[in-house]
C-alpha atoms as a PDB file:
ATOM      1  CA  UNK A   1      40.193  -0.681  -8.208  1.00  0.00           C
ATOM      2  CA  UNK A   2      43.001   1.210  -9.939  1.00  0.00           C
ATOM      3  CA  UNK A   3      43.835   4.789  -9.075  1.00  0.00           C
ATOM      4  CA  UNK A   4      42.796   5.916 -12.581  1.00  0.00           C
ATOM      5  CA  UNK A   5      39.833   3.601 -13.058  1.00  0.00           C
ATOM      6  CA  UNK A   6      37.405   5.034 -15.615  1.00  0.00           C
ATOM      7  CA  UNK A   7      39.715   7.858 -16.718  1.00  0.00           C
ATOM      8  CA  UNK A   8      40.922   8.566 -20.246  1.00  0.00           C
ATOM      9  CA  UNK A   9      44.449   9.927 -20.748  1.00  0.00           C
ATOM     10  CA  UNK A  10      46.224  11.371 -23.769  1.00  0.00           C
ATOM     11  CA  UNK A  11      50.010  11.268 -23.423  1.00  0.00           C
ATOM     12  CA  UNK A  12      52.345  13.084 -25.826  1.00  0.00           C
ATOM     13  CA  UNK A  13      55.911  11.943 -26.397  1.00  0.00           C
ATOM     14  CA  UNK A  14      54.762   8.536 -25.202  1.00  0.00           C
ATOM     15  CA  UNK A  15      56.654   6.148 -27.472  1.00  0.00           C
ATOM     16  CA  UNK A  16      59.670   5.775 -25.171  1.00  0.00           C
ATOM     17  CA  UNK A  17      61.380   6.800 -21.949  1.00  0.00           C
ATOM     18  CA  UNK A  18      59.190   8.742 -19.486  1.00  0.00           C
ATOM     19  CA  UNK A  19      56.175   8.771 -21.765  1.00  0.00           C
ATOM     20  CA  UNK A  20      56.211   5.014 -22.255  1.00  0.00           C
ATOM     21  CA  UNK A  21      56.607   4.405 -18.518  1.00  0.00           C
ATOM     22  CA  UNK A  22      53.663   6.715 -17.854  1.00  0.00           C
ATOM     23  CA  UNK A  23      51.471   5.008 -20.450  1.00  0.00           C
ATOM     24  CA  UNK A  24      52.161   1.568 -18.991  1.00  0.00           C
ATOM     25  CA  UNK A  25      51.559   2.740 -15.428  1.00  0.00           C
ATOM     26  CA  UNK A  26      48.360   4.618 -16.258  1.00  0.00           C
ATOM     27  CA  UNK A  27      46.948   1.555 -18.029  1.00  0.00           C
ATOM     28  CA  UNK A  28      47.848  -0.693 -15.082  1.00  0.00           C
ATOM     29  CA  UNK A  29      45.963   1.718 -12.841  1.00  0.00           C
ATOM     30  CA  UNK A  30      42.798   1.442 -14.915  1.00  0.00           C
ATOM     31  CA  UNK A  31      43.053   4.291 -17.430  1.00  0.00           C
ATOM     32  CA  UNK A  32      42.449   4.033 -21.130  1.00  0.00           C
ATOM     33  CA  UNK A  33      45.399   5.652 -22.848  1.00  0.00           C
ATOM     34  CA  UNK A  34      45.926   7.289 -26.213  1.00  0.00           C
ATOM     35  CA  UNK A  35      49.649   7.017 -26.908  1.00  0.00           C
ATOM     36  CA  UNK A  36      50.857   9.829 -29.176  1.00  0.00           C
ATOM     37  CA  UNK A  37      54.250  10.574 -30.714  1.00  0.00           C
ATOM     38  CA  UNK A  38      55.995  11.047 -34.046  1.00  0.00           C
ATOM     39  CA  UNK A  39      57.804   7.722 -33.600  1.00  0.00           C
ATOM     40  CA  UNK A  40      55.059   5.698 -35.245  1.00  0.00           C
ATOM     41  CA  UNK A  41      56.557   2.224 -35.048  1.00  0.00           C
ATOM     42  CA  UNK A  42      57.492   2.477 -31.385  1.00  0.00           C
ATOM     43  CA  UNK A  43      54.225   4.138 -30.459  1.00  0.00           C
ATOM     44  CA  UNK A  44      52.145   1.481 -32.187  1.00  0.00           C
ATOM     45  CA  UNK A  45      54.212  -1.280 -30.572  1.00  0.00           C
ATOM     46  CA  UNK A  46      53.653   0.230 -27.129  1.00  0.00           C
ATOM     47  CA  UNK A  47      49.901   0.506 -27.668  1.00  0.00           C
ATOM     48  CA  UNK A  48      49.794  -3.123 -28.828  1.00  0.00           C
ATOM     49  CA  UNK A  49      51.818  -4.177 -25.780  1.00  0.00           C
ATOM     50  CA  UNK A  50      49.384  -2.431 -23.429  1.00  0.00           C
ATOM     51  CA  UNK A  51      46.392  -4.004 -25.167  1.00  0.00           C
ATOM     52  CA  UNK A  52      42.756  -2.957 -25.690  1.00  0.00           C
ATOM     53  CA  UNK A  53      43.046  -0.152 -23.123  1.00  0.00           C
ATOM     54  CA  UNK A  54      45.410   1.764 -25.435  1.00  0.00           C
ATOM     55  CA  UNK A  55      45.573   3.146 -28.942  1.00  0.00           C
ATOM     56  CA  UNK A  56      48.176   5.031 -30.945  1.00  0.00           C
ATOM     57  CA  UNK A  57      47.845   8.284 -32.888  1.00  0.00           C
ATOM     58  CA  UNK A  58      50.637  10.184 -34.625  1.00  0.00           C
ATOM     59  CA  UNK A  59      50.928  13.663 -33.129  1.00  0.00           C
ATOM     60  CA  UNK A  60      53.256  16.461 -34.163  1.00  0.00           C
ATOM     61  CA  UNK A  61      52.667  18.760 -31.197  1.00  0.00           C
ATOM     62  CA  UNK A  62      53.428  21.863 -33.272  1.00  0.00           C
ATOM     63  CA  UNK A  63      50.389  21.230 -35.506  1.00  0.00           C
ATOM     64  CA  UNK A  64      47.042  22.433 -34.089  1.00  0.00           C
ATOM     65  CA  UNK A  65      45.078  20.275 -36.535  1.00  0.00           C
ATOM     66  CA  UNK A  66      46.862  17.142 -35.334  1.00  0.00           C
ATOM     67  CA  UNK A  67      46.007  18.125 -31.773  1.00  0.00           C
ATOM     68  CA  UNK A  68      42.331  18.414 -32.691  1.00  0.00           C
ATOM     69  CA  UNK A  69      42.461  15.005 -34.353  1.00  0.00           C
ATOM     70  CA  UNK A  70      44.177  13.359 -31.383  1.00  0.00           C
ATOM     71  CA  UNK A  71      41.789  14.815 -28.813  1.00  0.00           C
ATOM     72  CA  UNK A  72      38.870  13.896 -31.053  1.00  0.00           C
ATOM     73  CA  UNK A  73      40.095  10.314 -31.286  1.00  0.00           C
ATOM     74  CA  UNK A  74      40.414  10.036 -27.503  1.00  0.00           C
ATOM     75  CA  UNK A  75      36.845  11.274 -27.115  1.00  0.00           C
ATOM     76  CA  UNK A  76      35.417   9.098 -29.878  1.00  0.00           C
ATOM     77  CA  UNK A  77      37.340   5.940 -28.996  1.00  0.00           C
ATOM     78  CA  UNK A  78      37.217   6.080 -25.217  1.00  0.00           C
ATOM     79  CA  UNK A  79      34.280   8.386 -24.469  1.00  0.00           C
ATOM     80  CA  UNK A  80      36.008  11.540 -23.250  1.00  0.00           C
ATOM     81  CA  UNK A  81      39.254  13.036 -21.998  1.00  0.00           C
ATOM     82  CA  UNK A  82      40.214  13.357 -18.342  1.00  0.00           C
ATOM     83  CA  UNK A  83      44.009  13.637 -18.378  1.00  0.00           C
ATOM     84  CA  UNK A  84      46.483  15.347 -20.696  1.00  0.00           C
ATOM     85  CA  UNK A  85      50.132  14.539 -19.976  1.00  0.00           C
ATOM     86  CA  UNK A  86      52.595  16.497 -22.126  1.00  0.00           C
ATOM     87  CA  UNK A  87      56.115  15.078 -22.457  1.00  0.00           C
ATOM     88  CA  UNK A  88      57.036  15.871 -26.053  1.00  0.00           C
ATOM     89  CA  UNK A  89      60.180  17.949 -26.296  1.00  0.00           C
ATOM     90  CA  UNK A  90      63.608  18.530 -27.784  1.00  0.00           C
ATOM     91  CA  UNK A  91      66.879  19.375 -26.031  1.00  0.00           C
ATOM     92  CA  UNK A  92      69.301  21.358 -28.216  1.00  0.00           C
ATOM     93  CA  UNK A  93      72.669  21.606 -26.492  1.00  0.00           C
ATOM     94  CA  UNK A  94      74.967  24.433 -27.582  1.00  0.00           C
ATOM     95  CA  UNK A  95      76.799  27.446 -26.117  1.00  0.00           C
ATOM     96  CA  UNK A  96      74.902  30.734 -26.389  1.00  0.00           C
ATOM     97  CA  UNK A  97      77.154  32.136 -29.122  1.00  0.00           C
ATOM     98  CA  UNK A  98      76.655  29.052 -31.286  1.00  0.00           C
ATOM     99  CA  UNK A  99      72.877  28.587 -31.010  1.00  0.00           C
ATOM    100  CA  UNK A 100      71.275  29.090 -34.404  1.00  0.00           C
ATOM    101  CA  UNK A 101      68.011  30.990 -34.639  1.00  0.00           C
ATOM    102  CA  UNK A 102      66.522  27.942 -36.349  1.00  0.00           C
ATOM    103  CA  UNK A 103      67.402  25.645 -33.434  1.00  0.00           C
ATOM    104  CA  UNK A 104      66.167  28.178 -30.877  1.00  0.00           C
ATOM    105  CA  UNK A 105      62.846  28.672 -32.645  1.00  0.00           C
ATOM    106  CA  UNK A 106      62.360  24.934 -33.170  1.00  0.00           C
ATOM    107  CA  UNK A 107      62.936  24.283 -29.468  1.00  0.00           C
ATOM    108  CA  UNK A 108      60.408  26.941 -28.504  1.00  0.00           C
ATOM    109  CA  UNK A 109      57.936  25.665 -31.085  1.00  0.00           C
ATOM    110  CA  UNK A 110      58.063  22.041 -29.911  1.00  0.00           C
ATOM    111  CA  UNK A 111      58.425  22.559 -26.171  1.00  0.00           C
ATOM    112  CA  UNK A 112      56.477  25.753 -25.472  1.00  0.00           C
ATOM    113  CA  UNK A 113      54.078  26.200 -28.385  1.00  0.00           C
ATOM    114  CA  UNK A 114      53.356  22.471 -28.379  1.00  0.00           C
ATOM    115  CA  UNK A 115      52.381  22.665 -24.714  1.00  0.00           C
ATOM    116  CA  UNK A 116      50.142  25.671 -25.378  1.00  0.00           C
ATOM    117  CA  UNK A 117      48.390  23.928 -28.271  1.00  0.00           C
ATOM    118  CA  UNK A 118      47.867  20.801 -26.193  1.00  0.00           C
ATOM    119  CA  UNK A 119      46.220  22.703 -23.360  1.00  0.00           C
ATOM    120  CA  UNK A 120      44.057  24.613 -25.807  1.00  0.00           C
ATOM    121  CA  UNK A 121      42.853  21.450 -27.536  1.00  0.00           C
ATOM    122  CA  UNK A 122      42.279  19.426 -24.372  1.00  0.00           C
ATOM    123  CA  UNK A 123      40.544  22.098 -22.309  1.00  0.00           C
ATOM    124  CA  UNK A 124      37.362  22.123 -24.380  1.00  0.00           C
ATOM    125  CA  UNK A 125      37.003  18.343 -24.195  1.00  0.00           C
ATOM    126  CA  UNK A 126      37.596  18.424 -20.440  1.00  0.00           C
ATOM    127  CA  UNK A 127      34.994  21.140 -19.933  1.00  0.00           C
ATOM    128  CA  UNK A 128      32.326  18.867 -21.410  1.00  0.00           C
ATOM    129  CA  UNK A 129      33.562  16.118 -19.078  1.00  0.00           C
ATOM    130  CA  UNK A 130      33.143  18.376 -16.041  1.00  0.00           C
ATOM    131  CA  UNK A 131      36.848  18.719 -15.313  1.00  0.00           C
ATOM    132  CA  UNK A 132      40.199  17.059 -15.738  1.00  0.00           C
ATOM    133  CA  UNK A 133      43.922  17.190 -15.085  1.00  0.00           C
ATOM    134  CA  UNK A 134      46.547  18.725 -17.361  1.00  0.00           C
ATOM    135  CA  UNK A 135      50.121  17.782 -16.513  1.00  0.00           C
ATOM    136  CA  UNK A 136      52.884  19.700 -18.280  1.00  0.00           C
ATOM    137  CA  UNK A 137      56.396  18.282 -18.093  1.00  0.00           C
ATOM    138  CA  UNK A 138      58.837  21.142 -17.588  1.00  0.00           C
ATOM    139  CA  UNK A 139      62.262  20.552 -16.012  1.00  0.00           C
ATOM    140  CA  UNK A 140      64.533  21.796 -13.269  1.00  0.00           C
ATOM    141  CA  UNK A 141      65.637  24.075 -16.115  1.00  0.00           C
ATOM    142  CA  UNK A 142      62.209  25.644 -15.778  1.00  0.00           C
ATOM    143  CA  UNK A 143      63.334  26.846 -12.340  1.00  0.00           C
ATOM    144  CA  UNK A 144      67.072  27.477 -12.726  1.00  0.00           C
ATOM    145  CA  UNK A 145      69.299  28.047 -15.728  1.00  0.00           C
ATOM    146  CA  UNK A 146      72.031  25.833 -17.135  1.00  0.00           C
ATOM    147  CA  UNK A 147      74.946  26.614 -19.465  1.00  0.00           C
ATOM    148  CA  UNK A 148      74.573  25.274 -22.971  1.00  0.00           C
ATOM    149  CA  UNK A 149      70.799  24.989 -22.621  1.00  0.00           C
ATOM    150  CA  UNK A 150      69.548  28.509 -23.272  1.00  0.00           C
ATOM    151  CA  UNK A 151      66.776  27.542 -25.709  1.00  0.00           C
ATOM    152  CA  UNK A 152      65.700  24.583 -23.590  1.00  0.00           C
ATOM    153  CA  UNK A 153      65.721  26.706 -20.433  1.00  0.00           C
ATOM    154  CA  UNK A 154      63.628  29.412 -22.090  1.00  0.00           C
ATOM    155  CA  UNK A 155      61.088  26.847 -23.261  1.00  0.00           C
ATOM    156  CA  UNK A 156      60.822  25.158 -19.874  1.00  0.00           C
ATOM    157  CA  UNK A 157      60.387  28.483 -18.042  1.00  0.00           C
ATOM    158  CA  UNK A 158      57.601  29.207 -20.541  1.00  0.00           C
ATOM    159  CA  UNK A 159      55.886  25.923 -19.677  1.00  0.00           C
ATOM    160  CA  UNK A 160      56.088  26.755 -15.987  1.00  0.00           C
ATOM    161  CA  UNK A 161      54.480  30.158 -16.543  1.00  0.00           C
ATOM    162  CA  UNK A 162      51.789  28.907 -18.914  1.00  0.00           C
ATOM    163  CA  UNK A 163      50.855  26.225 -16.406  1.00  0.00           C
ATOM    164  CA  UNK A 164      50.110  28.838 -13.760  1.00  0.00           C
ATOM    165  CA  UNK A 165      48.146  31.065 -16.143  1.00  0.00           C
ATOM    166  CA  UNK A 166      46.070  28.128 -17.369  1.00  0.00           C
ATOM    167  CA  UNK A 167      45.422  26.956 -13.807  1.00  0.00           C
ATOM    168  CA  UNK A 168      43.932  30.350 -12.956  1.00  0.00           C
ATOM    169  CA  UNK A 169      41.775  30.362 -16.066  1.00  0.00           C
ATOM    170  CA  UNK A 170      40.549  26.766 -16.020  1.00  0.00           C
ATOM    171  CA  UNK A 171      40.022  26.161 -12.315  1.00  0.00           C
ATOM    172  CA  UNK A 172      36.407  27.286 -12.519  1.00  0.00           C
ATOM    173  CA  UNK A 173      35.763  24.463 -14.978  1.00  0.00           C
ATOM    174  CA  UNK A 174      37.189  21.847 -12.632  1.00  0.00           C
ATOM    175  CA  UNK A 175      40.368  21.526 -14.678  1.00  0.00           C
ATOM    176  CA  UNK A 176      43.609  21.332 -12.719  1.00  0.00           C
ATOM    177  CA  UNK A 177      46.896  22.311 -14.373  1.00  0.00           C
ATOM    178  CA  UNK A 178      50.247  21.432 -12.808  1.00  0.00           C
ATOM    179  CA  UNK A 179      53.859  21.103 -13.928  1.00  0.00           C
ATOM    180  CA  UNK A 180      56.426  18.400 -13.250  1.00  0.00           C
ATOM    181  CA  UNK A 181      60.092  19.394 -13.067  1.00  0.00           C
ATOM    182  CA  UNK A 182      62.386  16.375 -13.452  1.00  0.00           C
ATOM    183  CA  UNK A 183      66.078  16.589 -12.737  1.00  0.00           C
ATOM    184  CA  UNK A 184      68.571  14.043 -14.063  1.00  0.00           C
ATOM    185  CA  UNK A 185      66.590  11.135 -15.500  1.00  0.00           C
ATOM    186  CA  UNK A 186      68.178   7.918 -16.692  1.00  0.00           C
ATOM    187  CA  UNK A 187      66.688   7.535 -20.172  1.00  0.00           C
ATOM    188  CA  UNK A 188      67.213   4.371 -22.158  1.00  0.00           C
ATOM    189  CA  UNK A 189      67.437   6.030 -25.557  1.00  0.00           C
ATOM    190  CA  UNK A 190      68.640   9.591 -26.176  1.00  0.00           C
ATOM    191  CA  UNK A 191      66.014  12.067 -27.319  1.00  0.00           C
ATOM    192  CA  UNK A 192      66.439  14.093 -30.526  1.00  0.00           C
ATOM    193  CA  UNK A 193      68.978  16.828 -29.926  1.00  0.00           C
ATOM    194  CA  UNK A 194      70.810  14.942 -27.184  1.00  0.00           C
ATOM    195  CA  UNK A 195      74.304  13.485 -27.608  1.00  0.00           C
ATOM    196  CA  UNK A 196      74.337   9.993 -29.107  1.00  0.00           C
ATOM    197  CA  UNK A 197      76.424   8.735 -26.183  1.00  0.00           C
ATOM    198  CA  UNK A 198      74.441   8.512 -22.957  1.00  0.00           C
ATOM    199  CA  UNK A 199      75.653  10.620 -20.019  1.00  0.00           C
ATOM    200  CA  UNK A 200      77.331   8.904 -17.075  1.00  0.00           C
ATOM    201  CA  UNK A 201      74.172   8.737 -14.982  1.00  0.00           C
ATOM    202  CA  UNK A 202      75.885   6.959 -12.094  1.00  0.00           C
ATOM    203  CA  UNK A 203      78.449   9.723 -11.633  1.00  0.00           C
ATOM    204  CA  UNK A 204      75.873  12.478 -12.109  1.00  0.00           C
ATOM    205  CA  UNK A 205      73.532  10.853  -9.621  1.00  0.00           C
ATOM    206  CA  UNK A 206      76.184  10.444  -6.947  1.00  0.00           C
ATOM    207  CA  UNK A 207      76.436  14.232  -6.664  1.00  0.00           C
ATOM    208  CA  UNK A 208      72.768  14.485  -5.626  1.00  0.00           C
ATOM    209  CA  UNK A 209      71.472  14.272  -2.043  1.00  0.00           C
ATOM    210  CA  UNK A 210      69.654  11.005  -2.845  1.00  0.00           C
ATOM    211  CA  UNK A 211      72.766   9.633  -4.522  1.00  0.00           C
ATOM    212  CA  UNK A 212      71.239   8.507  -7.809  1.00  0.00           C
ATOM    213  CA  UNK A 213      69.661   9.704 -11.024  1.00  0.00           C
ATOM    214  CA  UNK A 214      65.905   9.313 -11.394  1.00  0.00           C
ATOM    215  CA  UNK A 215      64.454   6.337 -13.198  1.00  0.00           C
ATOM    216  CA  UNK A 216      61.647   7.007 -15.657  1.00  0.00           C
ATOM    217  CA  UNK A 217      59.297   5.270 -13.223  1.00  0.00           C
ATOM    218  CA  UNK A 218      60.013   7.960 -10.613  1.00  0.00           C
ATOM    219  CA  UNK A 219      58.568  10.569 -12.957  1.00  0.00           C
ATOM    220  CA  UNK A 220      55.681   8.302 -13.949  1.00  0.00           C
ATOM    221  CA  UNK A 221      54.703   7.908 -10.297  1.00  0.00           C
ATOM    222  CA  UNK A 222      54.527  11.684  -9.858  1.00  0.00           C
ATOM    223  CA  UNK A 223      52.394  11.968 -12.987  1.00  0.00           C
ATOM    224  CA  UNK A 224      50.100   9.229 -11.669  1.00  0.00           C
ATOM    225  CA  UNK A 225      49.471  11.224  -8.500  1.00  0.00           C
ATOM    226  CA  UNK A 226      48.617  14.347 -10.493  1.00  0.00           C
ATOM    227  CA  UNK A 227      46.351  12.405 -12.850  1.00  0.00           C
ATOM    228  CA  UNK A 228      44.461  10.790  -9.977  1.00  0.00           C
ATOM    229  CA  UNK A 229      41.809  12.216  -7.681  1.00  0.00           C
ATOM    230  CA  UNK A 230      44.375  12.094  -4.862  1.00  0.00           C
ATOM    231  CA  UNK A 231      45.653  15.456  -6.129  1.00  0.00           C
ATOM    232  CA  UNK A 232      42.162  16.983  -6.373  1.00  0.00           C
ATOM    233  CA  UNK A 233      43.202  20.162  -4.526  1.00  0.00           C
ATOM    234  CA  UNK A 234      46.481  20.745  -6.380  1.00  0.00           C
ATOM    235  CA  UNK A 235      46.583  23.213  -9.262  1.00  0.00           C
ATOM    236  CA  UNK A 236      49.068  25.775 -10.543  1.00  0.00           C
ATOM    237  CA  UNK A 237      51.766  23.928  -8.606  1.00  0.00           C
ATOM    238  CA  UNK A 238      55.314  22.850  -9.418  1.00  0.00           C
ATOM    239  CA  UNK A 239      56.260  19.270  -8.576  1.00  0.00           C
ATOM    240  CA  UNK A 240      60.045  19.010  -8.526  1.00  0.00           C
ATOM    241  CA  UNK A 241      61.324  15.439  -8.890  1.00  0.00           C
ATOM    242  CA  UNK A 242      65.081  15.980  -8.776  1.00  0.00           C
ATOM    243  CA  UNK A 243      66.612  13.899  -5.985  1.00  0.00           C
ATOM    244  CA  UNK A 244      67.319  17.089  -4.045  1.00  0.00           C
ATOM    245  CA  UNK A 245      69.260  18.853  -6.808  1.00  0.00           C
ATOM    246  CA  UNK A 246      67.659  22.228  -6.134  1.00  0.00           C
ATOM    247  CA  UNK A 247      67.562  21.941  -2.346  1.00  0.00           C
ATOM    248  CA  UNK A 248      70.823  23.840  -1.987  1.00  0.00           C
ATOM    249  CA  UNK A 249      74.586  23.502  -2.400  1.00  0.00           C
ATOM    250  CA  UNK A 250      76.119  20.176  -1.470  1.00  0.00           C
ATOM    251  CA  UNK A 251      79.179  20.349   0.769  1.00  0.00           C
ATOM    252  CA  UNK A 252      81.670  17.509   1.302  1.00  0.00           C
END
């Protein structure tokens, strides 16, 4: 029996990269998965690839009505909602002096407000189910700062804090809320707001204690643990998946 047998998961930002890896893994482990994104063609293709255990729904995470529709579809189509996994995000890269208010507010709206709206929409459905697991994808930039990423850092710190507040509030309903903090992840297609040219992941990874960048499957495996009953006593926690980046300074 799969580790998520009988569970229903809604995954945002699921059309590619980490979200797609998570959707595939969750389905292999027995979950029924609602793939959501604003990349309709890719999202629908992924759901078709997974098969009858998956469906696709367009979801702009900044729109509370679209959240209600997506959660409602998961409940109607699959019978409930047990897992919410929130990946959707943008990464504006710019020095502090050059960040426009529009870019800053958009980053906060997608990354932070989107996470808030997702928790709000999913919590009610999970309460009727008797519990569930909410997994919010933050970043190592939700723990430490980084130059050129002030808006992104602010949004990821917000996700970290909201996760803890929600865990305190929802624990009595059997709903666990945790955050994942990836470090350098080798993505196959750049996300909106990232440079068109991919970073040199090999060189970046060599500077880490484990000597490599993360693959999307590394993050998916952490999400699988948090979605499963194996993490039944974990809530309000930060799961750092960074190859040792934050362990301390690296000396030659």
